[in-house]
PDB file of all heavy atoms in Angstrom:
ATOM      1  N   VAL A   1      97.666  60.700 128.658  1.00  0.00           N
ATOM      2  CA  VAL A   1      97.120  59.368 128.395  1.00  0.00           C
ATOM      3  C   VAL A   1      97.781  58.387 129.355  1.00  0.00           C
ATOM      4  O   VAL A   1      99.000  58.242 129.371  1.00  0.00           O
ATOM      5  CB  VAL A   1      97.372  58.932 126.939  1.00  0.00           C
ATOM      6  CG1 VAL A   1      96.851  57.515 126.706  1.00  0.00           C
ATOM      7  CG2 VAL A   1      96.733  59.913 125.965  1.00  0.00           C
ATOM      8  N   VAL A   2      96.965  57.712 130.161  1.00  0.00           N
ATOM      9  CA  VAL A   2      97.471  56.744 131.140  1.00  0.00           C
ATOM     10  C   VAL A   2      96.952  55.367 130.743  1.00  0.00           C
ATOM     11  O   VAL A   2      95.773  55.062 130.891  1.00  0.00           O
ATOM     12  CB  VAL A   2      97.009  57.096 132.566  1.00  0.00           C
ATOM     13  CG1 VAL A   2      97.695  56.178 133.580  1.00  0.00           C
ATOM     14  CG2 VAL A   2      97.270  58.558 132.884  1.00  0.00           C
ATOM     15  N   GLU A   3      97.834  54.530 130.214  1.00  0.00           N
ATOM     16  CA  GLU A   3      97.441  53.228 129.655  1.00  0.00           C
ATOM     17  C   GLU A   3      98.634  52.294 129.740  1.00  0.00           C
ATOM     18  O   GLU A   3      99.715  52.610 129.255  1.00  0.00           O
ATOM     19  CB  GLU A   3      96.992  53.416 128.210  1.00  0.00           C
ATOM     20  CG  GLU A   3      96.838  52.161 127.387  1.00  0.00           C
ATOM     21  CD  GLU A   3      95.733  51.266 127.895  1.00  0.00           C
ATOM     22  OE1 GLU A   3      94.557  51.634 127.760  1.00  0.00           O
ATOM     23  OE2 GLU A   3      96.081  50.182 128.427  1.00  0.00           O
ATOM     24  N   ASP A   4      98.456  51.112 130.381  1.00  0.00           N
ATOM     25  CA  ASP A   4      99.581  50.196 130.546  1.00  0.00           C
ATOM     26  C   ASP A   4      99.886  49.408 129.279  1.00  0.00           C
ATOM     27  O   ASP A   4     100.955  48.816 129.166  1.00  0.00           O
ATOM     28  CB  ASP A   4      99.357  49.236 131.723  1.00  0.00           C
ATOM     29  CG  ASP A   4      98.149  48.335 131.528  1.00  0.00           C
ATOM     30  OD1 ASP A   4      97.185  48.781 130.871  1.00  0.00           O
ATOM     31  OD2 ASP A   4      98.161  47.208 132.048  1.00  0.00           O
ATOM     32  N   ASN A   5      98.959  49.395 128.318  1.00  0.00           N
ATOM     33  CA  ASN A   5      99.239  48.795 127.021  1.00  0.00           C
ATOM     34  C   ASN A   5      99.984  49.824 126.186  1.00  0.00           C
ATOM     35  O   ASN A   5      99.407  50.803 125.710  1.00  0.00           O
ATOM     36  CB  ASN A   5      97.927  48.389 126.336  1.00  0.00           C
ATOM     37  CG  ASN A   5      98.146  47.663 125.029  1.00  0.00           C
ATOM     38  OD1 ASN A   5      98.941  48.087 124.191  1.00  0.00           O
ATOM     39  ND2 ASN A   5      97.440  46.562 124.846  1.00  0.00           N
ATOM     40  N   VAL A   6     101.283  49.604 126.011  1.00  0.00           N
ATOM     41  CA  VAL A   6     102.145  50.601 125.372  1.00  0.00           C
ATOM     42  C   VAL A   6     101.691  50.902 123.951  1.00  0.00           C
ATOM     43  O   VAL A   6     101.651  52.070 123.526  1.00  0.00           O
ATOM     44  CB  VAL A   6     103.615  50.124 125.385  1.00  0.00           C
ATOM     45  CG1 VAL A   6     104.513  51.112 124.640  1.00  0.00           C
ATOM     46  CG2 VAL A   6     104.103  49.960 126.822  1.00  0.00           C
ATOM     47  N   ASP A   7     101.334  49.872 123.179  1.00  0.00           N
ATOM     48  CA  ASP A   7     100.912  50.080 121.797  1.00  0.00           C
ATOM     49  C   ASP A   7      99.615  50.872 121.724  1.00  0.00           C
ATOM     50  O   ASP A   7      99.461  51.769 120.891  1.00  0.00           O
ATOM     51  CB  ASP A   7     100.750  48.737 121.083  1.00  0.00           C
ATOM     52  CG  ASP A   7     102.079  48.037 120.871  1.00  0.00           C
ATOM     53  OD1 ASP A   7     103.105  48.731 120.825  1.00  0.00           O
ATOM     54  OD2 ASP A   7     102.093  46.801 120.757  1.00  0.00           O
ATOM     55  N   ALA A   8      98.661  50.540 122.600  1.00  0.00           N
ATOM     56  CA  ALA A   8      97.383  51.251 122.607  1.00  0.00           C
ATOM     57  C   ALA A   8      97.581  52.712 122.975  1.00  0.00           C
ATOM     58  O   ALA A   8      96.964  53.609 122.392  1.00  0.00           O
ATOM     59  CB  ALA A   8      96.417  50.584 123.579  1.00  0.00           C
ATOM     60  N   ALA A   9      98.461  52.960 123.949  1.00  0.00           N
ATOM     61  CA  ALA A   9      98.741  54.336 124.363  1.00  0.00           C
ATOM     62  C   ALA A   9      99.373  55.120 123.220  1.00  0.00           C
ATOM     63  O   ALA A   9      99.009  56.275 122.961  1.00  0.00           O
ATOM     64  CB  ALA A   9      99.653  54.339 125.583  1.00  0.00           C
ATOM     65  N   ALA A  10     100.326  54.494 122.518  1.00  0.00           N
ATOM     66  CA  ALA A  10     101.001  55.176 121.411  1.00  0.00           C
ATOM     67  C   ALA A  10     100.030  55.518 120.299  1.00  0.00           C
ATOM     68  O   ALA A  10     100.072  56.615 119.722  1.00  0.00           O
ATOM     69  CB  ALA A  10     102.140  54.305 120.887  1.00  0.00           C
ATOM     70  N   THR A  11      99.123  54.592 119.988  1.00  0.00           N
ATOM     71  CA  THR A  11      98.141  54.838 118.936  1.00  0.00           C
ATOM     72  C   THR A  11      97.223  55.996 119.299  1.00  0.00           C
ATOM     73  O   THR A  11      96.969  56.892 118.483  1.00  0.00           O
ATOM     74  CB  THR A  11      97.301  53.576 118.678  1.00  0.00           C
ATOM     75  OG1 THR A  11      98.171  52.511 118.280  1.00  0.00           O
ATOM     76  CG2 THR A  11      96.270  53.815 117.597  1.00  0.00           C
ATOM     77  N   LEU A  12      96.721  55.986 120.530  1.00  0.00           N
ATOM     78  CA  LEU A  12      95.833  57.060 120.970  1.00  0.00           C
ATOM     79  C   LEU A  12      96.567  58.395 120.994  1.00  0.00           C
ATOM     80  O   LEU A  12      96.014  59.430 120.618  1.00  0.00           O
ATOM     81  CB  LEU A  12      95.265  56.735 122.351  1.00  0.00           C
ATOM     82  CG  LEU A  12      94.244  57.712 122.921  1.00  0.00           C
ATOM     83  CD1 LEU A  12      93.094  57.943 121.942  1.00  0.00           C
ATOM     84  CD2 LEU A  12      93.711  57.195 124.255  1.00  0.00           C
ATOM     85  N   GLY A  13      97.831  58.368 121.414  1.00  0.00           N
ATOM     86  CA  GLY A  13      98.624  59.589 121.422  1.00  0.00           C
ATOM     87  C   GLY A  13      98.799  60.173 120.033  1.00  0.00           C
ATOM     88  O   GLY A  13      98.723  61.394 119.835  1.00  0.00           O
ATOM     89  N   GLU A  14      99.000  59.310 119.047  1.00  0.00           N
ATOM     90  CA  GLU A  14      99.149  59.774 117.663  1.00  0.00           C
ATOM     91  C   GLU A  14      97.859  60.411 117.153  1.00  0.00           C
ATOM     92  O   GLU A  14      97.882  61.431 116.450  1.00  0.00           O
ATOM     93  CB  GLU A  14      99.553  58.602 116.764  1.00  0.00           C
ATOM     94  CG  GLU A  14     100.969  58.109 117.020  1.00  0.00           C
ATOM     95  CD  GLU A  14     101.299  56.869 116.209  1.00  0.00           C
ATOM     96  OE1 GLU A  14     100.408  56.410 115.459  1.00  0.00           O
ATOM     97  OE2 GLU A  14     102.426  56.369 116.316  1.00  0.00           O
ATOM     98  N   VAL A  15      96.716  59.808 117.514  1.00  0.00           N
ATOM     99  CA  VAL A  15      95.427  60.370 117.108  1.00  0.00           C
ATOM    100  C   VAL A  15      95.245  61.762 117.710  1.00  0.00           C
ATOM    101  O   VAL A  15      94.854  62.715 117.027  1.00  0.00           O
ATOM    102  CB  VAL A  15      94.274  59.452 117.551  1.00  0.00           C
ATOM    103  CG1 VAL A  15      92.925  60.131 117.322  1.00  0.00           C
ATOM    104  CG2 VAL A  15      94.323  58.133 116.799  1.00  0.00           C
ATOM    105  N   LEU A  16      95.535  61.891 118.991  1.00  0.00           N
ATOM    106  CA  LEU A  16      95.370  63.179 119.663  1.00  0.00           C
ATOM    107  C   LEU A  16      96.264  64.252 119.052  1.00  0.00           C
ATOM    108  O   LEU A  16      95.859  65.410 118.902  1.00  0.00           O
ATOM    109  CB  LEU A  16      95.673  63.023 121.158  1.00  0.00           C
ATOM    110  CG  LEU A  16      94.692  62.148 121.940  1.00  0.00           C
ATOM    111  CD1 LEU A  16      95.232  61.877 123.344  1.00  0.00           C
ATOM    112  CD2 LEU A  16      93.320  62.800 122.019  1.00  0.00           C
ATOM    113  N   GLU A  17      97.480  63.874 118.690  1.00  0.00           N
ATOM    114  CA  GLU A  17      98.389  64.844 118.079  1.00  0.00           C
ATOM    115  C   GLU A  17      97.937  65.213 116.669  1.00  0.00           C
ATOM    116  O   GLU A  17      98.111  66.358 116.231  1.00  0.00           O
ATOM    117  CB  GLU A  17      99.809  64.287 118.080  1.00  0.00           C
ATOM    118  CG  GLU A  17     100.401  64.222 119.491  1.00  0.00           C
ATOM    119  CD  GLU A  17     101.820  63.690 119.520  1.00  0.00           C
ATOM    120  OE1 GLU A  17     102.296  63.227 118.456  1.00  0.00           O
ATOM    121  OE2 GLU A  17     102.444  63.734 120.593  1.00  0.00           O
ATOM    122  N   LEU A  18      97.352  64.249 115.935  1.00  0.00           N
ATOM    123  CA  LEU A  18      96.779  64.572 114.633  1.00  0.00           C
ATOM    124  C   LEU A  18      95.666  65.597 114.775  1.00  0.00           C
ATOM    125  O   LEU A  18      95.458  66.444 113.902  1.00  0.00           O
ATOM    126  CB  LEU A  18      96.240  63.305 113.964  1.00  0.00           C
ATOM    127  CG  LEU A  18      97.250  62.403 113.249  1.00  0.00           C
ATOM    128  CD1 LEU A  18      96.571  61.116 112.814  1.00  0.00           C
ATOM    129  CD2 LEU A  18      97.853  63.113 112.048  1.00  0.00           C
ATOM    130  N   TRP A  19      94.952  65.531 115.872  1.00  0.00           N
ATOM    131  CA  TRP A  19      93.876  66.488 116.130  1.00  0.00           C
ATOM    132  C   TRP A  19      94.408  67.841 116.600  1.00  0.00           C
ATOM    133  O   TRP A  19      93.639  68.771 116.772  1.00  0.00           O
ATOM    134  CB  TRP A  19      92.925  65.923 117.179  1.00  0.00           C
ATOM    135  CG  TRP A  19      92.118  64.764 116.695  1.00  0.00           C
ATOM    136  CD1 TRP A  19      92.005  64.294 115.424  1.00  0.00           C
ATOM    137  CD2 TRP A  19      91.304  63.909 117.499  1.00  0.00           C
ATOM    138  NE1 TRP A  19      91.180  63.209 115.380  1.00  0.00           N
ATOM    139  CE2 TRP A  19      90.721  62.939 116.648  1.00  0.00           C
ATOM    140  CE3 TRP A  19      91.008  63.855 118.864  1.00  0.00           C
ATOM    141  CZ2 TRP A  19      89.878  61.958 117.102  1.00  0.00           C
ATOM    142  CZ3 TRP A  19      90.159  62.871 119.328  1.00  0.00           C
ATOM    143  CH2 TRP A  19      89.593  61.917 118.456  1.00  0.00           C
ATOM    144  N   GLY A  20      95.706  67.931 116.847  1.00  0.00           N
ATOM    145  CA  GLY A  20      96.292  69.198 117.259  1.00  0.00           C
ATOM    146  C   GLY A  20      96.493  69.347 118.748  1.00  0.00           C
ATOM    147  O   GLY A  20      96.886  70.427 119.215  1.00  0.00           O
ATOM    148  N   TYR A  21      96.269  68.296 119.530  1.00  0.00           N
ATOM    149  CA  TYR A  21      96.434  68.377 120.975  1.00  0.00           C
ATOM    150  C   TYR A  21      97.863  68.006 121.376  1.00  0.00           C
ATOM    151  O   TYR A  21      98.579  67.327 120.638  1.00  0.00           O
ATOM    152  CB  TYR A  21      95.444  67.448 121.680  1.00  0.00           C
ATOM    153  CG  TYR A  21      93.999  67.811 121.443  1.00  0.00           C
ATOM    154  CD1 TYR A  21      93.128  66.912 120.824  1.00  0.00           C
ATOM    155  CD2 TYR A  21      93.507  69.057 121.825  1.00  0.00           C
ATOM    156  CE1 TYR A  21      91.802  67.251 120.595  1.00  0.00           C
ATOM    157  CE2 TYR A  21      92.188  69.396 121.602  1.00  0.00           C
ATOM    158  CZ  TYR A  21      91.338  68.492 120.982  1.00  0.00           C
ATOM    159  OH  TYR A  21      90.038  68.823 120.753  1.00  0.00           O
ATOM    160  N   ASP A  22      98.249  68.434 122.556  1.00  0.00           N
ATOM    161  CA  ASP A  22      99.553  68.115 123.119  1.00  0.00           C
ATOM    162  C   ASP A  22      99.384  66.886 124.010  1.00  0.00           C
ATOM    163  O   ASP A  22      98.823  66.982 125.110  1.00  0.00           O
ATOM    164  CB  ASP A  22     100.076  69.311 123.926  1.00  0.00           C
ATOM    165  CG  ASP A  22     101.421  69.036 124.576  1.00  0.00           C
ATOM    166  OD1 ASP A  22     102.038  68.003 124.261  1.00  0.00           O
ATOM    167  OD2 ASP A  22     101.850  69.847 125.421  1.00  0.00           O
ATOM    168  N   ALA A  23      99.839  65.726 123.535  1.00  0.00           N
ATOM    169  CA  ALA A  23      99.616  64.469 124.247  1.00  0.00           C
ATOM    170  C   ALA A  23     100.890  63.969 124.909  1.00  0.00           C
ATOM    171  O   ALA A  23     101.968  63.991 124.317  1.00  0.00           O
ATOM    172  CB  ALA A  23      99.080  63.407 123.295  1.00  0.00           C
ATOM    173  N   ARG A  24     100.751  63.502 126.145  1.00  0.00           N
ATOM    174  CA  ARG A  24     101.853  62.871 126.868  1.00  0.00           C
ATOM    175  C   ARG A  24     101.385  61.506 127.333  1.00  0.00           C
ATOM    176  O   ARG A  24     100.229  61.347 127.763  1.00  0.00           O
ATOM    177  CB  ARG A  24     102.279  63.722 128.057  1.00  0.00           C
ATOM    178  CG  ARG A  24     103.408  63.091 128.867  1.00  0.00           C
ATOM    179  CD  ARG A  24     103.966  64.019 129.920  1.00  0.00           C
ATOM    180  NE  ARG A  24     105.056  63.391 130.647  1.00  0.00           N
ATOM    181  CZ  ARG A  24     105.744  63.986 131.621  1.00  0.00           C
ATOM    182  NH1 ARG A  24     105.466  65.237 131.972  1.00  0.00           N
ATOM    183  NH2 ARG A  24     106.718  63.347 132.236  1.00  0.00           N
ATOM    184  N   LEU A  25     102.263  60.490 127.281  1.00  0.00           N
ATOM    185  CA  LEU A  25     101.904  59.116 127.597  1.00  0.00           C
ATOM    186  C   LEU A  25     102.645  58.606 128.817  1.00  0.00           C
ATOM    187  O   LEU A  25     103.855  58.817 128.942  1.00  0.00           O
ATOM    188  CB  LEU A  25     102.209  58.196 126.406  1.00  0.00           C
ATOM    189  CG  LEU A  25     101.830  58.682 125.006  1.00  0.00           C
ATOM    190  CD1 LEU A  25     102.263  57.657 123.970  1.00  0.00           C
ATOM    191  CD2 LEU A  25     100.341  58.946 124.909  1.00  0.00           C
ATOM    192  N   VAL A  26     101.925  57.935 129.710  1.00  0.00           N
ATOM    193  CA  VAL A  26     102.540  57.205 130.820  1.00  0.00           C
ATOM    194  C   VAL A  26     101.828  55.864 130.936  1.00  0.00           C
ATOM    195  O   VAL A  26     100.708  55.698 130.442  1.00  0.00           O
ATOM    196  CB  VAL A  26     102.461  57.980 132.157  1.00  0.00           C
ATOM    197  CG1 VAL A  26     103.269  59.266 132.088  1.00  0.00           C
ATOM    198  CG2 VAL A  26     101.020  58.276 132.532  1.00  0.00           C
ATOM    199  N   HIS A  27     102.465  54.911 131.639  1.00  0.00           N
ATOM    200  CA  HIS A  27     101.950  53.543 131.618  1.00  0.00           C
ATOM    201  C   HIS A  27     101.687  52.943 133.000  1.00  0.00           C
ATOM    202  O   HIS A  27     101.548  51.729 133.135  1.00  0.00           O
ATOM    203  CB  HIS A  27     102.930  52.656 130.849  1.00  0.00           C
ATOM    204  CG  HIS A  27     103.293  53.202 129.500  1.00  0.00           C
ATOM    205  ND1 HIS A  27     102.354  53.377 128.494  1.00  0.00           N
ATOM    206  CD2 HIS A  27     104.473  53.650 128.999  1.00  0.00           C
ATOM    207  CE1 HIS A  27     102.942  53.898 127.433  1.00  0.00           C
ATOM    208  NE2 HIS A  27     104.225  54.074 127.715  1.00  0.00           N
ATOM    209  N   SER A  28     101.604  53.770 134.031  1.00  0.00           N
ATOM    210  CA  SER A  28     101.305  53.271 135.367  1.00  0.00           C
ATOM    211  C   SER A  28     100.645  54.371 136.184  1.00  0.00           C
ATOM    212  O   SER A  28     100.739  55.564 135.856  1.00  0.00           O
ATOM    213  CB  SER A  28     102.585  52.807 136.083  1.00  0.00           C
ATOM    214  OG  SER A  28     103.410  53.921 136.415  1.00  0.00           O
ATOM    215  N   GLY A  29      99.971  53.965 137.257  1.00  0.00           N
ATOM    216  CA  GLY A  29      99.330  54.940 138.120  1.00  0.00           C
ATOM    217  C   GLY A  29     100.313  55.871 138.780  1.00  0.00           C
ATOM    218  O   GLY A  29     100.058  57.077 138.918  1.00  0.00           O
ATOM    219  N   GLU A  30     101.448  55.324 139.228  1.00  0.00           N
ATOM    220  CA  GLU A  30     102.459  56.148 139.884  1.00  0.00           C
ATOM    221  C   GLU A  30     102.990  57.222 138.942  1.00  0.00           C
ATOM    222  O   GLU A  30     103.123  58.393 139.313  1.00  0.00           O
ATOM    223  CB  GLU A  30     103.620  55.269 140.387  1.00  0.00           C
ATOM    224  CG  GLU A  30     103.233  54.282 141.489  1.00  0.00           C
ATOM    225  CD  GLU A  30     102.597  53.004 140.953  1.00  0.00           C
ATOM    226  OE1 GLU A  30     102.348  52.919 139.724  1.00  0.00           O
ATOM    227  OE2 GLU A  30     102.348  52.105 141.770  1.00  0.00           O
ATOM    228  N   LYS A  31     103.295  56.833 137.707  1.00  0.00           N
ATOM    229  CA  LYS A  31     103.787  57.789 136.721  1.00  0.00           C
ATOM    230  C   LYS A  31     102.712  58.821 136.369  1.00  0.00           C
ATOM    231  O   LYS A  31     103.017  59.987 136.090  1.00  0.00           O
ATOM    232  CB  LYS A  31     104.239  57.062 135.461  1.00  0.00           C
ATOM    233  CG  LYS A  31     105.489  56.203 135.637  1.00  0.00           C
ATOM    234  CD  LYS A  31     106.703  57.071 135.963  1.00  0.00           C
ATOM    235  CE  LYS A  31     107.962  56.229 136.063  1.00  0.00           C
ATOM    236  NZ  LYS A  31     109.147  57.051 136.427  1.00  0.00           N
ATOM    237  N   ALA A  32     101.455  58.400 136.411  1.00  0.00           N
ATOM    238  CA  ALA A  32     100.365  59.326 136.125  1.00  0.00           C
ATOM    239  C   ALA A  32     100.314  60.435 137.163  1.00  0.00           C
ATOM    240  O   ALA A  32     100.146  61.614 136.817  1.00  0.00           O
ATOM    241  CB  ALA A  32      99.039  58.578 136.083  1.00  0.00           C
ATOM    242  N   LEU A  33     100.446  60.075 138.422  1.00  0.00           N
ATOM    243  CA  LEU A  33     100.432  61.069 139.489  1.00  0.00           C
ATOM    244  C   LEU A  33     101.608  62.026 139.370  1.00  0.00           C
ATOM    245  O   LEU A  33     101.462  63.242 139.544  1.00  0.00           O
ATOM    246  CB  LEU A  33     100.437  60.378 140.851  1.00  0.00           C
ATOM    247  CG  LEU A  33      99.212  59.514 141.180  1.00  0.00           C
ATOM    248  CD1 LEU A  33      99.402  58.807 142.513  1.00  0.00           C
ATOM    249  CD2 LEU A  33      97.950  60.380 141.197  1.00  0.00           C
ATOM    250  N   GLU A  34     102.780  61.480 139.056  1.00  0.00           N
ATOM    251  CA  GLU A  34     103.968  62.323 138.894  1.00  0.00           C
ATOM    252  C   GLU A  34     103.787  63.297 137.728  1.00  0.00           C
ATOM    253  O   GLU A  34     104.060  64.498 137.863  1.00  0.00           O
ATOM    254  CB  GLU A  34     105.205  61.448 138.653  1.00  0.00           C
ATOM    255  CG  GLU A  34     105.615  60.595 139.834  1.00  0.00           C
ATOM    256  CD  GLU A  34     106.793  59.696 139.499  1.00  0.00           C
ATOM    257  OE1 GLU A  34     107.378  59.864 138.396  1.00  0.00           O
ATOM    258  OE2 GLU A  34     107.119  58.821 140.320  1.00  0.00           O
ATOM    259  N   ALA A  35     103.321  62.771 136.581  1.00  0.00           N
ATOM    260  CA  ALA A  35     103.174  63.606 135.388  1.00  0.00           C
ATOM    261  C   ALA A  35     102.097  64.656 135.586  1.00  0.00           C
ATOM    262  O   ALA A  35     102.257  65.818 135.171  1.00  0.00           O
ATOM    263  CB  ALA A  35     102.853  62.737 134.177  1.00  0.00           C
ATOM    264  N   ALA A  36     100.983  64.287 136.205  1.00  0.00           N
ATOM    265  CA  ALA A  36      99.892  65.238 136.404  1.00  0.00           C
ATOM    266  C   ALA A  36     100.309  66.354 137.346  1.00  0.00           C
ATOM    267  O   ALA A  36      99.985  67.529 137.124  1.00  0.00           O
ATOM    268  CB  ALA A  36      98.666  64.510 136.955  1.00  0.00           C
ATOM    269  N   THR A  37     101.030  66.016 138.388  1.00  0.00           N
ATOM    270  CA  THR A  37     101.488  67.034 139.343  1.00  0.00           C
ATOM    271  C   THR A  37     102.483  67.983 138.692  1.00  0.00           C
ATOM    272  O   THR A  37     102.477  69.191 138.952  1.00  0.00           O
ATOM    273  CB  THR A  37     102.130  66.366 140.567  1.00  0.00           C
ATOM    274  OG1 THR A  37     101.177  65.471 141.169  1.00  0.00           O
ATOM    275  CG2 THR A  37     102.558  67.406 141.590  1.00  0.00           C
ATOM    276  N   ALA A  38     103.327  67.433 137.822  1.00  0.00           N
ATOM    277  CA  ALA A  38     104.372  68.242 137.203  1.00  0.00           C
ATOM    278  C   ALA A  38     103.859  69.109 136.060  1.00  0.00           C
ATOM    279  O   ALA A  38     104.344  70.225 135.865  1.00  0.00           O
ATOM    280  CB  ALA A  38     105.494  67.340 136.702  1.00  0.00           C
ATOM    281  N   THR A  39     102.883  68.629 135.310  1.00  0.00           N
ATOM    282  CA  THR A  39     102.466  69.332 134.089  1.00  0.00           C
ATOM    283  C   THR A  39     101.068  69.921 134.139  1.00  0.00           C
ATOM    284  O   THR A  39     100.701  70.696 133.251  1.00  0.00           O
ATOM    285  CB  THR A  39     102.544  68.383 132.883  1.00  0.00           C
ATOM    286  OG1 THR A  39     101.604  67.309 133.057  1.00  0.00           O
ATOM    287  CG2 THR A  39     103.946  67.795 132.739  1.00  0.00           C
ATOM    288  N   CYS A  40     100.253  69.541 135.130  1.00  0.00           N
ATOM    289  CA  CYS A  40      98.873  70.031 135.246  1.00  0.00           C
ATOM    290  C   CYS A  40      98.114  69.892 133.922  1.00  0.00           C
ATOM    291  O   CYS A  40      97.723  70.897 133.299  1.00  0.00           O
ATOM    292  CB  CYS A  40      98.856  71.486 135.699  1.00  0.00           C
ATOM    293  SG  CYS A  40      99.487  71.732 137.361  1.00  0.00           S
ATOM    294  N   PRO A  41      97.854  68.694 133.448  1.00  0.00           N
ATOM    295  CA  PRO A  41      97.164  68.513 132.169  1.00  0.00           C
ATOM    296  C   PRO A  41      95.722  69.013 132.230  1.00  0.00           C
ATOM    297  O   PRO A  41      95.124  69.089 133.310  1.00  0.00           O
ATOM    298  CB  PRO A  41      97.218  66.997 131.962  1.00  0.00           C
ATOM    299  CG  PRO A  41      97.286  66.437 133.343  1.00  0.00           C
ATOM    300  CD  PRO A  41      98.127  67.404 134.118  1.00  0.00           C
ATOM    301  N   ASP A  42      95.194  69.361 131.076  1.00  0.00           N
ATOM    302  CA  ASP A  42      93.799  69.790 130.991  1.00  0.00           C
ATOM    303  C   ASP A  42      92.850  68.595 130.961  1.00  0.00           C
ATOM    304  O   ASP A  42      91.722  68.671 131.439  1.00  0.00           O
ATOM    305  CB  ASP A  42      93.593  70.626 129.732  1.00  0.00           C
ATOM    306  CG  ASP A  42      94.521  71.827 129.694  1.00  0.00           C
ATOM    307  OD1 ASP A  42      94.509  72.606 130.659  1.00  0.00           O
ATOM    308  OD2 ASP A  42      95.275  71.960 128.712  1.00  0.00           O
ATOM    309  N   VAL A  43      93.307  67.493 130.357  1.00  0.00           N
ATOM    310  CA  VAL A  43      92.507  66.277 130.225  1.00  0.00           C
ATOM    311  C   VAL A  43      93.372  65.079 130.592  1.00  0.00           C
ATOM    312  O   VAL A  43      94.542  65.020 130.201  1.00  0.00           O
ATOM    313  CB  VAL A  43      91.977  66.099 128.780  1.00  0.00           C
ATOM    314  CG1 VAL A  43      91.102  64.850 128.674  1.00  0.00           C
ATOM    315  CG2 VAL A  43      91.220  67.338 128.316  1.00  0.00           C
ATOM    316  N   VAL A  44      92.797  64.135 131.320  1.00  0.00           N
ATOM    317  CA  VAL A  44      93.471  62.871 131.613  1.00  0.00           C
ATOM    318  C   VAL A  44      92.588  61.734 131.110  1.00  0.00           C
ATOM    319  O   VAL A  44      91.431  61.610 131.528  1.00  0.00           O
ATOM    320  CB  VAL A  44      93.751  62.695 133.115  1.00  0.00           C
ATOM    321  CG1 VAL A  44      94.377  61.322 133.374  1.00  0.00           C
ATOM    322  CG2 VAL A  44      94.668  63.787 133.631  1.00  0.00           C
ATOM    323  N   LEU A  45      93.120  60.942 130.182  1.00  0.00           N
ATOM    324  CA  LEU A  45      92.442  59.736 129.696  1.00  0.00           C
ATOM    325  C   LEU A  45      93.029  58.569 130.466  1.00  0.00           C
ATOM    326  O   LEU A  45      94.164  58.158 130.236  1.00  0.00           O
ATOM    327  CB  LEU A  45      92.658  59.569 128.197  1.00  0.00           C
ATOM    328  CG  LEU A  45      92.224  60.753 127.321  1.00  0.00           C
ATOM    329  CD1 LEU A  45      92.510  60.460 125.851  1.00  0.00           C
ATOM    330  CD2 LEU A  45      90.760  61.066 127.529  1.00  0.00           C
ATOM    331  N   LEU A  46      92.267  58.022 131.389  1.00  0.00           N
ATOM    332  CA  LEU A  46      92.802  57.117 132.405  1.00  0.00           C
ATOM    333  C   LEU A  46      92.212  55.720 132.294  1.00  0.00           C
ATOM    334  O   LEU A  46      91.008  55.512 132.434  1.00  0.00           O
ATOM    335  CB  LEU A  46      92.500  57.710 133.789  1.00  0.00           C
ATOM    336  CG  LEU A  46      92.959  56.954 135.024  1.00  0.00           C
ATOM    337  CD1 LEU A  46      94.446  56.646 134.984  1.00  0.00           C
ATOM    338  CD2 LEU A  46      92.625  57.766 136.279  1.00  0.00           C
TER     339      LEU A  46
END
């Protein structure tokens, strides 16, 4: 989840985890590129 609104990102992350998914949160484009390269996510909500 890539969202600069920290509260919105946290809420969406909690929903995804309730659904059983493995959610990771970042709050900038630079961090998104770093996280995606390091973890190879299946889905990016950008």
